[in-house]
Amino acid sequence: MIKITKGQNVVVMDAFGRVMLSKAVRKQFPARKFEVLVKKEEIRLKPIKTLDELFGTLPKISMVEFRKKHDEEAKHEHTS
């Protein structure tokens, strides 16, 4: 759990809509992609896990075979 002292939990959005997260937050949530959830007057960022992080959560799936099949399907989509 991150301890946030007064003033450290405020971020500023720049002219391009970018928001900088503190190093402590980035270390706790190493994701590079986030789902943006908007609810009333709140904006929440939910980390999206990579395929590598999800590996092992589904039984009997080979990551190598999964990636190979994915690449073949993607290749087929681009040539159709």
C-alpha atoms as a PDB file:
ATOM      1  CA  MET A   1       0.000   0.000   0.000  1.00  0.00           C
ATOM      2  CA  ILE A   2       1.266   3.452  -0.879  1.00  0.00           C
ATOM      3  CA  LYS A   3       1.390   6.087   1.843  1.00  0.00           C
ATOM      4  CA  ILE A   4       0.398   9.423   0.401  1.00  0.00           C
ATOM      5  CA  THR A   5       1.059  12.506   2.439  1.00  0.00           C
ATOM      6  CA  LYS A   6      -0.786  15.769   2.020  1.00  0.00           C
ATOM      7  CA  GLY A   7      -0.113  17.324  -1.374  1.00  0.00           C
ATOM      8  CA  GLN A   8       1.304  14.179  -3.011  1.00  0.00           C
ATOM      9  CA  ASN A   9      -2.050  12.936  -4.274  1.00  0.00           C
ATOM     10  CA  VAL A  10      -2.631  15.905  -6.593  1.00  0.00           C
ATOM     11  CA  VAL A  11      -1.742  15.588 -10.265  1.00  0.00           C
ATOM     12  CA  VAL A  12      -1.958  18.153 -13.051  1.00  0.00           C
ATOM     13  CA  MET A  13      -3.177  17.512 -16.580  1.00  0.00           C
ATOM     14  CA  ASP A  14      -1.119  19.234 -19.275  1.00  0.00           C
ATOM     15  CA  ALA A  15      -2.469  20.886 -22.430  1.00  0.00           C
ATOM     16  CA  PHE A  16      -2.352  17.528 -24.259  1.00  0.00           C
ATOM     17  CA  GLY A  17      -4.414  15.723 -21.573  1.00  0.00           C
ATOM     18  CA  ARG A  18      -1.433  13.850 -20.086  1.00  0.00           C
ATOM     19  CA  VAL A  19      -1.236  13.123 -16.376  1.00  0.00           C
ATOM     20  CA  MET A  20       2.006  12.168 -14.610  1.00  0.00           C
ATOM     21  CA  LEU A  21       1.806   9.491 -11.928  1.00  0.00           C
ATOM     22  CA  SER A  22       4.328   9.466  -9.103  1.00  0.00           C
ATOM     23  CA  LYS A  23       7.141   6.909  -9.097  1.00  0.00           C
ATOM     24  CA  ALA A  24       5.580   5.189  -6.074  1.00  0.00           C
ATOM     25  CA  VAL A  25       2.300   4.674  -7.950  1.00  0.00           C
ATOM     26  CA  ARG A  26       4.086   3.495 -11.121  1.00  0.00           C
ATOM     27  CA  LYS A  27       6.073   0.952  -9.084  1.00  0.00           C
ATOM     28  CA  GLN A  28       2.898  -0.424  -7.494  1.00  0.00           C
ATOM     29  CA  PHE A  29       1.087  -0.554 -10.848  1.00  0.00           C
ATOM     30  CA  PRO A  30       3.699  -1.316 -13.543  1.00  0.00           C
ATOM     31  CA  ALA A  31       1.042  -1.495 -16.284  1.00  0.00           C
ATOM     32  CA  ARG A  32       1.488   0.681 -19.366  1.00  0.00           C
ATOM     33  CA  LYS A  33      -2.205   0.594 -20.339  1.00  0.00           C
ATOM     34  CA  PHE A  34      -5.175   1.500 -18.179  1.00  0.00           C
ATOM     35  CA  GLU A  35      -8.922   1.342 -18.568  1.00  0.00           C
ATOM     36  CA  VAL A  36     -10.451   4.747 -17.819  1.00  0.00           C
ATOM     37  CA  LEU A  37     -13.598   4.518 -15.714  1.00  0.00           C
ATOM     38  CA  VAL A  38     -15.753   7.620 -15.302  1.00  0.00           C
ATOM     39  CA  LYS A  39     -18.391   7.604 -12.579  1.00  0.00           C
ATOM     40  CA  LYS A  40     -20.207  10.783 -11.614  1.00  0.00           C
ATOM     41  CA  GLU A  41     -17.406  13.143 -10.591  1.00  0.00           C
ATOM     42  CA  GLU A  42     -14.590  10.552 -10.449  1.00  0.00           C
ATOM     43  CA  ILE A  43     -12.036   9.301 -12.928  1.00  0.00           C
ATOM     44  CA  ARG A  44     -10.436   5.940 -12.124  1.00  0.00           C
ATOM     45  CA  LEU A  45      -7.586   4.170 -13.846  1.00  0.00           C
ATOM     46  CA  LYS A  46      -7.725   0.372 -13.852  1.00  0.00           C
ATOM     47  CA  PRO A  47      -4.470  -1.348 -14.909  1.00  0.00           C
ATOM     48  CA  ILE A  48      -4.764  -3.695 -17.886  1.00  0.00           C
ATOM     49  CA  LYS A  49      -2.622  -6.800 -17.527  1.00  0.00           C
ATOM     50  CA  THR A  50      -0.388  -7.963 -20.364  1.00  0.00           C
ATOM     51  CA  LEU A  51      -0.562 -11.474 -21.806  1.00  0.00           C
ATOM     52  CA  ASP A  52       2.629 -12.320 -19.914  1.00  0.00           C
ATOM     53  CA  GLU A  53       1.045 -11.257 -16.609  1.00  0.00           C
ATOM     54  CA  LEU A  54      -2.037 -13.371 -17.365  1.00  0.00           C
ATOM     55  CA  PHE A  55       0.044 -16.440 -18.236  1.00  0.00           C
ATOM     56  CA  GLY A  56      -0.712 -19.230 -15.810  1.00  0.00           C
ATOM     57  CA  THR A  57      -4.164 -17.945 -14.897  1.00  0.00           C
ATOM     58  CA  LEU A  58      -5.741 -20.290 -17.439  1.00  0.00           C
ATOM     59  CA  PRO A  59      -4.879 -23.980 -17.163  1.00  0.00           C
ATOM     60  CA  LYS A  60      -3.036 -25.901 -19.886  1.00  0.00           C
ATOM     61  CA  ILE A  61      -2.351 -22.988 -22.236  1.00  0.00           C
ATOM     62  CA  SER A  62       1.086 -22.682 -23.787  1.00  0.00           C
ATOM     63  CA  MET A  63       2.081 -19.044 -24.161  1.00  0.00           C
ATOM     64  CA  VAL A  64       4.276 -19.925 -27.147  1.00  0.00           C
ATOM     65  CA  GLU A  65       1.400 -21.687 -28.925  1.00  0.00           C
ATOM     66  CA  PHE A  66      -1.035 -18.912 -27.999  1.00  0.00           C
ATOM     67  CA  ARG A  67       1.246 -16.226 -29.460  1.00  0.00           C
ATOM     68  CA  LYS A  68       1.890 -18.341 -32.592  1.00  0.00           C
ATOM     69  CA  LYS A  69      -1.849 -18.791 -33.191  1.00  0.00           C
ATOM     70  CA  HIS A  70      -2.472 -15.098 -32.556  1.00  0.00           C
ATOM     71  CA  ASP A  71       0.252 -14.073 -35.006  1.00  0.00           C
ATOM     72  CA  GLU A  72      -1.134 -16.427 -37.681  1.00  0.00           C
ATOM     73  CA  GLU A  73      -4.658 -15.037 -37.235  1.00  0.00           C
ATOM     74  CA  ALA A  74      -3.407 -11.439 -37.340  1.00  0.00           C
ATOM     75  CA  LYS A  75      -1.392 -12.183 -40.499  1.00  0.00           C
ATOM     76  CA  HIS A  76      -4.479 -13.731 -42.130  1.00  0.00           C
ATOM     77  CA  GLU A  77      -6.606 -10.678 -41.227  1.00  0.00           C
ATOM     78  CA  HIS A  78      -4.154  -8.327 -42.924  1.00  0.00           C
ATOM     79  CA  THR A  79      -3.937 -10.376 -46.129  1.00  0.00           C
ATOM     80  CA  SER A  80      -7.719 -10.847 -46.530  1.00  0.00           C
END
